[in-house]
Amino acid sequence: LMTTAVALLAVTDAGAPGWAPLLVLLAMSGLVL
């Protein structure tokens, strides 16, 4: 969860929204764990 939150912040700051759905899925898997 922490890693994907940082990566999602970096992706949104860099302006690359294509990675956001994958990172959201990773964050959801962290939430399930």
PDB file of all heavy atoms in Angstrom:
ATOM      1  N   LEU A   1       0.824  -1.214   0.000  1.00  0.00           N
ATOM      2  CA  LEU A   1       0.000   0.000   0.000  1.00  0.00           C
ATOM      3  C   LEU A   1       0.857   1.262   0.000  1.00  0.00           C
ATOM      4  O   LEU A   1       0.596   2.200  -0.765  1.00  0.00           O
ATOM      5  CB  LEU A   1      -0.925   0.018   1.219  1.00  0.00           C
ATOM      6  CG  LEU A   1      -2.247  -0.710   1.079  1.00  0.00           C
ATOM      7  CD1 LEU A   1      -2.943  -0.800   2.429  1.00  0.00           C
ATOM      8  CD2 LEU A   1      -3.139  -0.023   0.091  1.00  0.00           C
ATOM      9  N   MET A   2       1.868   1.302   0.834  1.00  0.00           N
ATOM     10  CA  MET A   2       2.724   2.494   0.896  1.00  0.00           C
ATOM     11  C   MET A   2       3.494   2.686  -0.405  1.00  0.00           C
ATOM     12  O   MET A   2       3.614   3.811  -0.909  1.00  0.00           O
ATOM     13  CB  MET A   2       3.694   2.380   2.075  1.00  0.00           C
ATOM     14  CG  MET A   2       3.019   2.503   3.422  1.00  0.00           C
ATOM     15  SD  MET A   2       4.179   2.518   4.803  1.00  0.00           S
ATOM     16  CE  MET A   2       4.881   0.899   4.705  1.00  0.00           C
ATOM     17  N   THR A   3       4.008   1.607  -0.952  1.00  0.00           N
ATOM     18  CA  THR A   3       4.784   1.706  -2.188  1.00  0.00           C
ATOM     19  C   THR A   3       3.923   2.167  -3.348  1.00  0.00           C
ATOM     20  O   THR A   3       4.329   3.034  -4.131  1.00  0.00           O
ATOM     21  CB  THR A   3       5.425   0.344  -2.511  1.00  0.00           C
ATOM     22  OG1 THR A   3       6.190  -0.083  -1.397  1.00  0.00           O
ATOM     23  CG2 THR A   3       6.305   0.430  -3.739  1.00  0.00           C
ATOM     24  N   THR A   4       2.731   1.606  -3.473  1.00  0.00           N
ATOM     25  CA  THR A   4       1.863   2.018  -4.582  1.00  0.00           C
ATOM     26  C   THR A   4       1.353   3.442  -4.392  1.00  0.00           C
ATOM     27  O   THR A   4       1.136   4.148  -5.378  1.00  0.00           O
ATOM     28  CB  THR A   4       0.681   1.050  -4.750  1.00  0.00           C
ATOM     29  OG1 THR A   4      -0.006   0.917  -3.515  1.00  0.00           O
ATOM     30  CG2 THR A   4       1.154  -0.293  -5.251  1.00  0.00           C
ATOM     31  N   ALA A   5       1.179   3.878  -3.151  1.00  0.00           N
ATOM     32  CA  ALA A   5       0.752   5.261  -2.930  1.00  0.00           C
ATOM     33  C   ALA A   5       1.828   6.235  -3.394  1.00  0.00           C
ATOM     34  O   ALA A   5       1.531   7.242  -4.061  1.00  0.00           O
ATOM     35  CB  ALA A   5       0.433   5.480  -1.454  1.00  0.00           C
ATOM     36  N   VAL A   6       3.074   5.926  -3.085  1.00  0.00           N
ATOM     37  CA  VAL A   6       4.178   6.781  -3.525  1.00  0.00           C
ATOM     38  C   VAL A   6       4.309   6.735  -5.045  1.00  0.00           C
ATOM     39  O   VAL A   6       4.487   7.766  -5.708  1.00  0.00           O
ATOM     40  CB  VAL A   6       5.495   6.366  -2.833  1.00  0.00           C
ATOM     41  CG1 VAL A   6       6.689   7.048  -3.475  1.00  0.00           C
ATOM     42  CG2 VAL A   6       5.426   6.683  -1.361  1.00  0.00           C
ATOM     43  N   ALA A   7       4.196   5.542  -5.620  1.00  0.00           N
ATOM     44  CA  ALA A   7       4.301   5.404  -7.076  1.00  0.00           C
ATOM     45  C   ALA A   7       3.144   6.110  -7.776  1.00  0.00           C
ATOM     46  O   ALA A   7       3.334   6.742  -8.827  1.00  0.00           O
ATOM     47  CB  ALA A   7       4.334   3.935  -7.464  1.00  0.00           C
ATOM     48  N   LEU A   8       1.945   6.033  -7.211  1.00  0.00           N
ATOM     49  CA  LEU A   8       0.796   6.710  -7.803  1.00  0.00           C
ATOM     50  C   LEU A   8       0.970   8.217  -7.752  1.00  0.00           C
ATOM     51  O   LEU A   8       0.626   8.927  -8.710  1.00  0.00           O
ATOM     52  CB  LEU A   8      -0.486   6.287  -7.075  1.00  0.00           C
ATOM     53  CG  LEU A   8      -1.817   6.662  -7.705  1.00  0.00           C
ATOM     54  CD1 LEU A   8      -1.930   6.080  -9.110  1.00  0.00           C
ATOM     55  CD2 LEU A   8      -2.955   6.185  -6.862  1.00  0.00           C
ATOM     56  N   LEU A   9       1.513   8.711  -6.666  1.00  0.00           N
ATOM     57  CA  LEU A   9       1.791  10.141  -6.566  1.00  0.00           C
ATOM     58  C   LEU A   9       2.836  10.567  -7.600  1.00  0.00           C
ATOM     59  O   LEU A   9       2.682  11.602  -8.259  1.00  0.00           O
ATOM     60  CB  LEU A   9       2.273  10.475  -5.149  1.00  0.00           C
ATOM     61  CG  LEU A   9       2.510  11.953  -4.850  1.00  0.00           C
ATOM     62  CD1 LEU A   9       1.220  12.739  -4.959  1.00  0.00           C
ATOM     63  CD2 LEU A   9       3.121  12.105  -3.482  1.00  0.00           C
ATOM     64  N   ALA A  10       3.876   9.760  -7.768  1.00  0.00           N
ATOM     65  CA  ALA A  10       4.909  10.075  -8.754  1.00  0.00           C
ATOM     66  C   ALA A  10       4.358  10.026 -10.171  1.00  0.00           C
ATOM     67  O   ALA A  10       4.704  10.859 -11.012  1.00  0.00           O
ATOM     68  CB  ALA A  10       6.080   9.112  -8.606  1.00  0.00           C
ATOM     69  N   VAL A  11       3.484   9.071 -10.442  1.00  0.00           N
ATOM     70  CA  VAL A  11       2.903   8.932 -11.783  1.00  0.00           C
ATOM     71  C   VAL A  11       1.988  10.110 -12.100  1.00  0.00           C
ATOM     72  O   VAL A  11       2.023  10.658 -13.206  1.00  0.00           O
ATOM     73  CB  VAL A  11       2.148   7.582 -11.898  1.00  0.00           C
ATOM     74  CG1 VAL A  11       1.205   7.558 -13.075  1.00  0.00           C
ATOM     75  CG2 VAL A  11       3.143   6.440 -12.020  1.00  0.00           C
ATOM     76  N   THR A  12       1.181  10.521 -11.129  1.00  0.00           N
ATOM     77  CA  THR A  12       0.276  11.649 -11.396  1.00  0.00           C
ATOM     78  C   THR A  12       1.051  12.956 -11.525  1.00  0.00           C
ATOM     79  O   THR A  12       0.673  13.827 -12.306  1.00  0.00           O
ATOM     80  CB  THR A  12      -0.788  11.778 -10.285  1.00  0.00           C
ATOM     81  OG1 THR A  12      -0.153  11.845  -9.024  1.00  0.00           O
ATOM     82  CG2 THR A  12      -1.751  10.622 -10.328  1.00  0.00           C
ATOM     83  N   ASP A  13       2.133  13.105 -10.771  1.00  0.00           N
ATOM     84  CA  ASP A  13       2.964  14.307 -10.909  1.00  0.00           C
ATOM     85  C   ASP A  13       3.698  14.336 -12.247  1.00  0.00           C
ATOM     86  O   ASP A  13       3.927  15.404 -12.823  1.00  0.00           O
ATOM     87  CB  ASP A  13       3.978  14.407  -9.772  1.00  0.00           C
ATOM     88  CG  ASP A  13       3.345  14.887  -8.482  1.00  0.00           C
ATOM     89  OD1 ASP A  13       2.192  15.367  -8.531  1.00  0.00           O
ATOM     90  OD2 ASP A  13       3.999  14.771  -7.426  1.00  0.00           O
ATOM     91  N   ALA A  14       4.086  13.166 -12.748  1.00  0.00           N
ATOM     92  CA  ALA A  14       4.819  13.092 -14.010  1.00  0.00           C
ATOM     93  C   ALA A  14       3.895  13.226 -15.219  1.00  0.00           C
ATOM     94  O   ALA A  14       4.360  13.415 -16.335  1.00  0.00           O
ATOM     95  CB  ALA A  14       5.588  11.788 -14.088  1.00  0.00           C
ATOM     96  N   GLY A  15       2.599  13.103 -14.993  1.00  0.00           N
ATOM     97  CA  GLY A  15       1.639  13.225 -16.091  1.00  0.00           C
ATOM     98  C   GLY A  15       1.546  11.981 -16.944  1.00  0.00           C
ATOM     99  O   GLY A  15       1.320  12.066 -18.147  1.00  0.00           O
ATOM    100  N   ALA A  16       1.714  10.808 -16.331  1.00  0.00           N
ATOM    101  CA  ALA A  16       1.592   9.541 -17.060  1.00  0.00           C
ATOM    102  C   ALA A  16       0.418   8.758 -16.481  1.00  0.00           C
ATOM    103  O   ALA A  16       0.590   7.848 -15.677  1.00  0.00           O
ATOM    104  CB  ALA A  16       2.873   8.744 -16.942  1.00  0.00           C
ATOM    105  N   PRO A  17      -0.817   9.078 -16.877  1.00  0.00           N
ATOM    106  CA  PRO A  17      -1.992   8.442 -16.272  1.00  0.00           C
ATOM    107  C   PRO A  17      -2.190   6.992 -16.692  1.00  0.00           C
ATOM    108  O   PRO A  17      -3.043   6.298 -16.146  1.00  0.00           O
ATOM    109  CB  PRO A  17      -3.151   9.309 -16.755  1.00  0.00           C
ATOM    110  CG  PRO A  17      -2.679   9.885 -18.047  1.00  0.00           C
ATOM    111  CD  PRO A  17      -1.198  10.072 -17.890  1.00  0.00           C
ATOM    112  N   GLY A  18      -1.427   6.497 -17.638  1.00  0.00           N
ATOM    113  CA  GLY A  18      -1.587   5.114 -18.081  1.00  0.00           C
ATOM    114  C   GLY A  18      -1.228   4.092 -17.014  1.00  0.00           C
ATOM    115  O   GLY A  18      -1.716   2.968 -17.037  1.00  0.00           O
ATOM    116  N   TRP A  19      -0.367   4.474 -16.084  1.00  0.00           N
ATOM    117  CA  TRP A  19       0.034   3.571 -15.029  1.00  0.00           C
ATOM    118  C   TRP A  19      -0.937   3.550 -13.846  1.00  0.00           C
ATOM    119  O   TRP A  19      -0.867   2.662 -12.996  1.00  0.00           O
ATOM    120  CB  TRP A  19       1.417   3.958 -14.508  1.00  0.00           C
ATOM    121  CG  TRP A  19       2.507   3.637 -15.471  1.00  0.00           C
ATOM    122  CD1 TRP A  19       3.052   4.465 -16.392  1.00  0.00           C
ATOM    123  CD2 TRP A  19       3.156   2.388 -15.619  1.00  0.00           C
ATOM    124  NE1 TRP A  19       4.015   3.827 -17.111  1.00  0.00           N
ATOM    125  CE2 TRP A  19       4.104   2.537 -16.656  1.00  0.00           C
ATOM    126  CE3 TRP A  19       3.047   1.152 -14.984  1.00  0.00           C
ATOM    127  CZ2 TRP A  19       4.921   1.496 -17.055  1.00  0.00           C
ATOM    128  CZ3 TRP A  19       3.865   0.128 -15.381  1.00  0.00           C
ATOM    129  CH2 TRP A  19       4.788   0.295 -16.407  1.00  0.00           C
ATOM    130  N   ALA A  20      -1.838   4.501 -13.773  1.00  0.00           N
ATOM    131  CA  ALA A  20      -2.723   4.627 -12.613  1.00  0.00           C
ATOM    132  C   ALA A  20      -3.610   3.397 -12.384  1.00  0.00           C
ATOM    133  O   ALA A  20      -3.728   2.938 -11.241  1.00  0.00           O
ATOM    134  CB  ALA A  20      -3.558   5.893 -12.731  1.00  0.00           C
ATOM    135  N   PRO A  21      -4.258   2.819 -13.408  1.00  0.00           N
ATOM    136  CA  PRO A  21      -5.107   1.638 -13.136  1.00  0.00           C
ATOM    137  C   PRO A  21      -4.320   0.451 -12.576  1.00  0.00           C
ATOM    138  O   PRO A  21      -4.799  -0.243 -11.664  1.00  0.00           O
ATOM    139  CB  PRO A  21      -5.701   1.290 -14.497  1.00  0.00           C
ATOM    140  CG  PRO A  21      -5.637   2.547 -15.273  1.00  0.00           C
ATOM    141  CD  PRO A  21      -4.419   3.262 -14.796  1.00  0.00           C
ATOM    142  N   LEU A  22      -3.110   0.231 -13.098  1.00  0.00           N
ATOM    143  CA  LEU A  22      -2.294  -0.866 -12.577  1.00  0.00           C
ATOM    144  C   LEU A  22      -1.911  -0.612 -11.119  1.00  0.00           C
ATOM    145  O   LEU A  22      -1.966  -1.522 -10.281  1.00  0.00           O
ATOM    146  CB  LEU A  22      -1.039  -1.039 -13.426  1.00  0.00           C
ATOM    147  CG  LEU A  22      -0.059  -2.103 -12.953  1.00  0.00           C
ATOM    148  CD1 LEU A  22      -0.676  -3.481 -13.063  1.00  0.00           C
ATOM    149  CD2 LEU A  22       1.228  -2.015 -13.728  1.00  0.00           C
ATOM    150  N   LEU A  23      -1.551   0.614 -10.805  1.00  0.00           N
ATOM    151  CA  LEU A  23      -1.174   0.930  -9.433  1.00  0.00           C
ATOM    152  C   LEU A  23      -2.359   0.852  -8.479  1.00  0.00           C
ATOM    153  O   LEU A  23      -2.209   0.457  -7.321  1.00  0.00           O
ATOM    154  CB  LEU A  23      -0.519   2.310  -9.387  1.00  0.00           C
ATOM    155  CG  LEU A  23       0.855   2.395 -10.056  1.00  0.00           C
ATOM    156  CD1 LEU A  23       1.332   3.844 -10.092  1.00  0.00           C
ATOM    157  CD2 LEU A  23       1.852   1.515  -9.353  1.00  0.00           C
ATOM    158  N   VAL A  24      -3.535   1.210  -8.976  1.00  0.00           N
ATOM    159  CA  VAL A  24      -4.736   1.088  -8.138  1.00  0.00           C
ATOM    160  C   VAL A  24      -5.019  -0.388  -7.849  1.00  0.00           C
ATOM    161  O   VAL A  24      -5.387  -0.756  -6.720  1.00  0.00           O
ATOM    162  CB  VAL A  24      -5.938   1.782  -8.806  1.00  0.00           C
ATOM    163  CG1 VAL A  24      -7.231   1.424  -8.115  1.00  0.00           C
ATOM    164  CG2 VAL A  24      -5.740   3.287  -8.791  1.00  0.00           C
ATOM    165  N   LEU A  25      -4.836  -1.249  -8.840  1.00  0.00           N
ATOM    166  CA  LEU A  25      -5.024  -2.691  -8.607  1.00  0.00           C
ATOM    167  C   LEU A  25      -3.997  -3.222  -7.602  1.00  0.00           C
ATOM    168  O   LEU A  25      -4.333  -4.057  -6.750  1.00  0.00           O
ATOM    169  CB  LEU A  25      -4.919  -3.456  -9.923  1.00  0.00           C
ATOM    170  CG  LEU A  25      -6.114  -3.346 -10.867  1.00  0.00           C
ATOM    171  CD1 LEU A  25      -5.815  -4.051 -12.177  1.00  0.00           C
ATOM    172  CD2 LEU A  25      -7.347  -3.943 -10.213  1.00  0.00           C
ATOM    173  N   LEU A  26      -2.770  -2.761  -7.693  1.00  0.00           N
ATOM    174  CA  LEU A  26      -1.761  -3.168  -6.709  1.00  0.00           C
ATOM    175  C   LEU A  26      -2.115  -2.679  -5.303  1.00  0.00           C
ATOM    176  O   LEU A  26      -1.928  -3.385  -4.316  1.00  0.00           O
ATOM    177  CB  LEU A  26      -0.383  -2.644  -7.109  1.00  0.00           C
ATOM    178  CG  LEU A  26       0.333  -3.420  -8.213  1.00  0.00           C
ATOM    179  CD1 LEU A  26       1.602  -2.681  -8.619  1.00  0.00           C
ATOM    180  CD2 LEU A  26       0.652  -4.817  -7.747  1.00  0.00           C
ATOM    181  N   ALA A  27      -2.633  -1.457  -5.224  1.00  0.00           N
ATOM    182  CA  ALA A  27      -3.045  -0.930  -3.924  1.00  0.00           C
ATOM    183  C   ALA A  27      -4.209  -1.736  -3.354  1.00  0.00           C
ATOM    184  O   ALA A  27      -4.257  -2.008  -2.144  1.00  0.00           O
ATOM    185  CB  ALA A  27      -3.416   0.539  -4.039  1.00  0.00           C
ATOM    186  N   MET A  28      -5.124  -2.151  -4.212  1.00  0.00           N
ATOM    187  CA  MET A  28      -6.256  -2.963  -3.744  1.00  0.00           C
ATOM    188  C   MET A  28      -5.785  -4.336  -3.254  1.00  0.00           C
ATOM    189  O   MET A  28      -6.297  -4.859  -2.266  1.00  0.00           O
ATOM    190  CB  MET A  28      -7.283  -3.121  -4.863  1.00  0.00           C
ATOM    191  CG  MET A  28      -8.004  -1.838  -5.222  1.00  0.00           C
ATOM    192  SD  MET A  28      -8.919  -1.135  -3.846  1.00  0.00           S
ATOM    193  CE  MET A  28     -10.273  -2.263  -3.772  1.00  0.00           C
ATOM    194  N   SER A  29      -4.794  -4.906  -3.933  1.00  0.00           N
ATOM    195  CA  SER A  29      -4.259  -6.189  -3.460  1.00  0.00           C
ATOM    196  C   SER A  29      -3.550  -6.014  -2.118  1.00  0.00           C
ATOM    197  O   SER A  29      -3.615  -6.896  -1.258  1.00  0.00           O
ATOM    198  CB  SER A  29      -3.327  -6.806  -4.496  1.00  0.00           C
ATOM    199  OG  SER A  29      -2.209  -5.986  -4.702  1.00  0.00           O
ATOM    200  N   GLY A  30      -2.892  -4.878  -1.917  1.00  0.00           N
ATOM    201  CA  GLY A  30      -2.292  -4.597  -0.616  1.00  0.00           C
ATOM    202  C   GLY A  30      -3.354  -4.441   0.461  1.00  0.00           C
ATOM    203  O   GLY A  30      -3.173  -4.886   1.597  1.00  0.00           O
ATOM    204  N   LEU A  31      -4.470  -3.846   0.107  1.00  0.00           N
ATOM    205  CA  LEU A  31      -5.573  -3.692   1.056  1.00  0.00           C
ATOM    206  C   LEU A  31      -6.168  -5.048   1.425  1.00  0.00           C
ATOM    207  O   LEU A  31      -6.504  -5.297   2.586  1.00  0.00           O
ATOM    208  CB  LEU A  31      -6.644  -2.778   0.460  1.00  0.00           C
ATOM    209  CG  LEU A  31      -7.789  -2.382   1.361  1.00  0.00           C
ATOM    210  CD1 LEU A  31      -7.272  -1.574   2.548  1.00  0.00           C
ATOM    211  CD2 LEU A  31      -8.811  -1.591   0.587  1.00  0.00           C
ATOM    212  N   VAL A  32      -6.273  -5.929   0.443  1.00  0.00           N
ATOM    213  CA  VAL A  32      -6.784  -7.279   0.716  1.00  0.00           C
ATOM    214  C   VAL A  32      -5.829  -8.028   1.643  1.00  0.00           C
ATOM    215  O   VAL A  32      -6.269  -8.744   2.544  1.00  0.00           O
ATOM    216  CB  VAL A  32      -7.008  -8.041  -0.608  1.00  0.00           C
ATOM    217  CG1 VAL A  32      -7.230  -9.519  -0.377  1.00  0.00           C
ATOM    218  CG2 VAL A  32      -8.186  -7.452  -1.363  1.00  0.00           C
ATOM    219  N   LEU A  33      -4.533  -7.883   1.420  1.00  0.00           N
ATOM    220  CA  LEU A  33      -3.565  -8.544   2.303  1.00  0.00           C
ATOM    221  C   LEU A  33      -3.583  -7.964   3.712  1.00  0.00           C
ATOM    222  O   LEU A  33      -3.325  -8.676   4.685  1.00  0.00           O
ATOM    223  CB  LEU A  33      -2.154  -8.422   1.729  1.00  0.00           C
ATOM    224  CG  LEU A  33      -1.804  -9.361   0.588  1.00  0.00           C
ATOM    225  CD1 LEU A  33      -0.447  -8.992   0.014  1.00  0.00           C
ATOM    226  CD2 LEU A  33      -1.809 -10.792   1.048  1.00  0.00           C
TER     227      LEU A  33
END
